[in-house]
Amino acid sequence: MTNISIDKDIRLSKTHFKDIEELKLELILVQEESFELSAAQAKMLREREREADNATDKGLAWDRSRITRKNA
């Protein structure tokens, strides 16, 4: 068994993993939770959202109820 120390305060959902792949997935999820958009990225996404709202071309509809925002 190997002990690993990380100086940064990271909150993992569990402390026992069956293999390295499961640990990798957990670390990816931790990174995703702390993800934030820059002002430029948020502006670009709002513009694309506006385009999608105003689109007249036939295509797949998108379900707004499945979209959640932390910092809009």
N, C-alpha and C. Protein backbone atom coordinates (compact mmCIF):
# COMPACT_ATOMS: atom_id res chain seq x y z
N MET A 1 0.84 -1.18 0.00
CA MET A 1 0.00 0.00 0.00
C MET A 1 0.88 1.24 0.00
N THR A 2 0.44 2.26 -0.74
CA THR A 2 1.18 3.50 -0.84
C THR A 2 0.35 4.65 -0.29
N ASN A 3 0.95 5.47 0.53
CA ASN A 3 0.28 6.67 1.02
C ASN A 3 0.66 7.85 0.14
N ILE A 4 -0.33 8.65 -0.17
CA ILE A 4 -0.10 9.83 -1.00
C ILE A 4 -0.56 11.05 -0.23
N SER A 5 0.27 12.09 -0.21
CA SER A 5 -0.09 13.34 0.47
C SER A 5 -0.23 14.45 -0.56
N ILE A 6 -1.26 15.27 -0.36
CA ILE A 6 -1.48 16.42 -1.23
C ILE A 6 -1.60 17.64 -0.33
N ASP A 7 -0.79 18.65 -0.58
CA ASP A 7 -0.79 19.83 0.28
C ASP A 7 -2.08 20.64 0.17
N LYS A 8 -2.65 20.70 -1.00
CA LYS A 8 -3.87 21.47 -1.20
C LYS A 8 -5.05 20.75 -0.55
N ASP A 9 -5.99 21.50 0.02
CA ASP A 9 -7.16 20.92 0.67
C ASP A 9 -8.14 20.44 -0.39
N ILE A 10 -8.16 19.14 -0.64
CA ILE A 10 -9.04 18.54 -1.64
C ILE A 10 -9.99 17.59 -0.92
N ARG A 11 -11.27 17.74 -1.20
CA ARG A 11 -12.29 16.90 -0.57
C ARG A 11 -12.69 15.77 -1.52
N LEU A 12 -12.22 14.57 -1.22
CA LEU A 12 -12.61 13.40 -2.00
C LEU A 12 -13.87 12.81 -1.39
N SER A 13 -14.70 12.19 -2.22
CA SER A 13 -15.95 11.62 -1.71
C SER A 13 -15.72 10.32 -0.94
N LYS A 14 -14.55 9.73 -1.13
CA LYS A 14 -14.21 8.51 -0.40
C LYS A 14 -12.69 8.39 -0.27
N THR A 15 -12.25 7.45 0.53
CA THR A 15 -10.81 7.29 0.76
C THR A 15 -10.28 5.93 0.31
N HIS A 16 -11.16 5.05 -0.15
CA HIS A 16 -10.72 3.74 -0.62
C HIS A 16 -11.18 3.57 -2.07
N PHE A 17 -10.25 3.20 -2.94
CA PHE A 17 -10.52 3.02 -4.37
C PHE A 17 -10.08 1.62 -4.77
N LYS A 18 -10.90 0.98 -5.62
CA LYS A 18 -10.57 -0.39 -6.00
C LYS A 18 -9.38 -0.46 -6.96
N ASP A 19 -9.16 0.60 -7.73
CA ASP A 19 -8.00 0.61 -8.64
C ASP A 19 -7.66 2.06 -9.00
N ILE A 20 -6.60 2.22 -9.74
CA ILE A 20 -6.11 3.55 -10.10
C ILE A 20 -7.10 4.29 -11.01
N GLU A 21 -7.83 3.55 -11.82
CA GLU A 21 -8.82 4.17 -12.70
C GLU A 21 -9.93 4.85 -11.90
N GLU A 22 -10.36 4.19 -10.84
CA GLU A 22 -11.39 4.78 -9.98
C GLU A 22 -10.87 6.04 -9.30
N LEU A 23 -9.62 6.03 -8.87
CA LEU A 23 -9.00 7.22 -8.29
C LEU A 23 -8.91 8.34 -9.32
N LYS A 24 -8.51 8.02 -10.55
CA LYS A 24 -8.43 9.03 -11.62
C LYS A 24 -9.78 9.70 -11.85
N LEU A 25 -10.83 8.89 -11.89
CA LEU A 25 -12.17 9.44 -12.10
C LEU A 25 -12.56 10.37 -10.95
N GLU A 26 -12.24 9.99 -9.75
CA GLU A 26 -12.54 10.84 -8.59
C GLU A 26 -11.79 12.17 -8.69
N LEU A 27 -10.53 12.13 -9.08
CA LEU A 27 -9.75 13.36 -9.21
C LEU A 27 -10.29 14.26 -10.32
N ILE A 28 -10.76 13.66 -11.40
CA ILE A 28 -11.37 14.43 -12.48
C ILE A 28 -12.62 15.12 -11.97
N LEU A 29 -13.44 14.41 -11.21
CA LEU A 29 -14.65 15.00 -10.65
C LEU A 29 -14.33 16.15 -9.71
N VAL A 30 -13.28 16.01 -8.92
CA VAL A 30 -12.88 17.09 -8.01
C VAL A 30 -12.48 18.32 -8.82
N GLN A 31 -11.77 18.13 -9.92
CA GLN A 31 -11.38 19.25 -10.78
C GLN A 31 -12.61 19.90 -11.39
N GLU A 32 -13.58 19.11 -11.82
CA GLU A 32 -14.79 19.64 -12.44
C GLU A 32 -15.58 20.50 -11.47
N GLU A 33 -15.64 20.12 -10.20
CA GLU A 33 -16.40 20.88 -9.22
C GLU A 33 -15.82 22.27 -9.01
N SER A 34 -14.51 22.41 -9.14
CA SER A 34 -13.89 23.71 -8.90
C SER A 34 -13.72 24.51 -10.20
N PHE A 35 -14.29 24.03 -11.28
CA PHE A 35 -14.15 24.67 -12.58
C PHE A 35 -14.97 25.96 -12.64
N GLU A 36 -14.36 27.04 -13.13
CA GLU A 36 -15.06 28.30 -13.31
C GLU A 36 -14.72 28.87 -14.67
N LEU A 37 -15.71 29.49 -15.29
CA LEU A 37 -15.50 30.13 -16.59
C LEU A 37 -14.93 31.52 -16.41
N SER A 38 -14.11 31.92 -17.35
CA SER A 38 -13.65 33.30 -17.36
C SER A 38 -14.79 34.17 -17.88
N ALA A 39 -14.68 35.47 -17.73
CA ALA A 39 -15.71 36.39 -18.20
C ALA A 39 -15.90 36.25 -19.71
N ALA A 40 -14.80 36.08 -20.45
CA ALA A 40 -14.87 35.93 -21.91
C ALA A 40 -15.58 34.64 -22.29
N GLN A 41 -15.29 33.55 -21.59
CA GLN A 41 -15.94 32.28 -21.88
C GLN A 41 -17.44 32.35 -21.57
N ALA A 42 -17.80 32.96 -20.45
CA ALA A 42 -19.21 33.10 -20.09
C ALA A 42 -19.94 33.93 -21.13
N LYS A 43 -19.31 35.00 -21.61
CA LYS A 43 -19.92 35.85 -22.64
C LYS A 43 -20.16 35.05 -23.92
N MET A 44 -19.16 34.27 -24.33
CA MET A 44 -19.28 33.47 -25.54
C MET A 44 -20.43 32.46 -25.41
N LEU A 45 -20.55 31.82 -24.25
CA LEU A 45 -21.62 30.84 -24.05
C LEU A 45 -22.99 31.52 -24.05
N ARG A 46 -23.09 32.71 -23.47
CA ARG A 46 -24.36 33.44 -23.50
C ARG A 46 -24.74 33.80 -24.93
N GLU A 47 -23.73 34.18 -25.74
CA GLU A 47 -24.00 34.50 -27.15
C GLU A 47 -24.48 33.26 -27.90
N ARG A 48 -23.86 32.13 -27.66
CA ARG A 48 -24.28 30.88 -28.31
C ARG A 48 -25.67 30.46 -27.85
N GLU A 49 -25.96 30.69 -26.57
CA GLU A 49 -27.29 30.38 -26.05
C GLU A 49 -28.34 31.26 -26.75
N ARG A 50 -28.04 32.53 -26.93
CA ARG A 50 -28.94 33.45 -27.62
C ARG A 50 -29.17 33.01 -29.07
N GLU A 51 -28.07 32.60 -29.74
CA GLU A 51 -28.18 32.09 -31.11
C GLU A 51 -29.09 30.87 -31.16
N ALA A 52 -28.93 29.96 -30.22
CA ALA A 52 -29.75 28.75 -30.19
C ALA A 52 -31.21 29.10 -29.93
N ASP A 53 -31.45 30.07 -29.06
CA ASP A 53 -32.83 30.49 -28.78
C ASP A 53 -33.50 31.09 -30.00
N ASN A 54 -32.74 31.80 -30.82
CA ASN A 54 -33.30 32.50 -31.97
C ASN A 54 -33.16 31.74 -33.28
N ALA A 55 -32.62 30.54 -33.24
CA ALA A 55 -32.39 29.75 -34.46
C ALA A 55 -33.71 29.39 -35.12
N THR A 56 -33.74 29.50 -36.44
CA THR A 56 -34.94 29.13 -37.19
C THR A 56 -34.71 27.86 -38.00
N ASP A 57 -33.46 27.43 -38.11
CA ASP A 57 -33.16 26.20 -38.85
C ASP A 57 -33.71 25.00 -38.10
N LYS A 58 -34.14 24.00 -38.85
CA LYS A 58 -34.59 22.76 -38.22
C LYS A 58 -33.38 22.02 -37.67
N GLY A 59 -33.56 21.44 -36.55
CA GLY A 59 -32.47 20.69 -35.93
C GLY A 59 -32.96 20.10 -34.63
N LEU A 60 -32.06 19.60 -33.84
CA LEU A 60 -32.44 19.03 -32.57
C LEU A 60 -32.76 20.14 -31.58
N ALA A 61 -33.85 19.97 -30.85
CA ALA A 61 -34.21 20.93 -29.81
C ALA A 61 -33.36 20.65 -28.59
N TRP A 62 -33.13 21.66 -27.81
CA TRP A 62 -32.36 21.46 -26.59
C TRP A 62 -33.25 21.75 -25.40
N ASP A 63 -33.08 20.96 -24.38
CA ASP A 63 -33.92 21.02 -23.21
C ASP A 63 -33.26 21.89 -22.15
N ARG A 64 -33.78 23.11 -21.96
CA ARG A 64 -33.21 24.04 -20.99
C ARG A 64 -33.31 23.54 -19.55
N SER A 65 -34.29 22.69 -19.27
CA SER A 65 -34.48 22.24 -17.90
C SER A 65 -33.31 21.39 -17.42
N ARG A 66 -32.52 20.87 -18.33
CA ARG A 66 -31.38 20.03 -17.95
C ARG A 66 -30.10 20.84 -17.77
N ILE A 67 -30.16 22.14 -18.04
CA ILE A 67 -28.99 22.99 -17.92
C ILE A 67 -29.04 23.71 -16.59
N THR A 68 -27.97 23.59 -15.82
CA THR A 68 -27.90 24.29 -14.54
C THR A 68 -26.68 25.19 -14.55
N ARG A 69 -26.80 26.31 -13.89
CA ARG A 69 -25.70 27.26 -13.82
C ARG A 69 -25.36 27.57 -12.38
N LYS A 70 -24.10 27.64 -12.10
CA LYS A 70 -23.66 28.06 -10.77
C LYS A 70 -23.54 29.58 -10.72
N ASN A 71 -22.81 30.14 -11.69
CA ASN A 71 -22.52 31.57 -11.70
C ASN A 71 -22.90 32.15 -13.05
N ALA A 72 -24.12 32.58 -13.20
CA ALA A 72 -24.55 33.11 -14.49
C ALA A 72 -24.48 34.62 -14.50
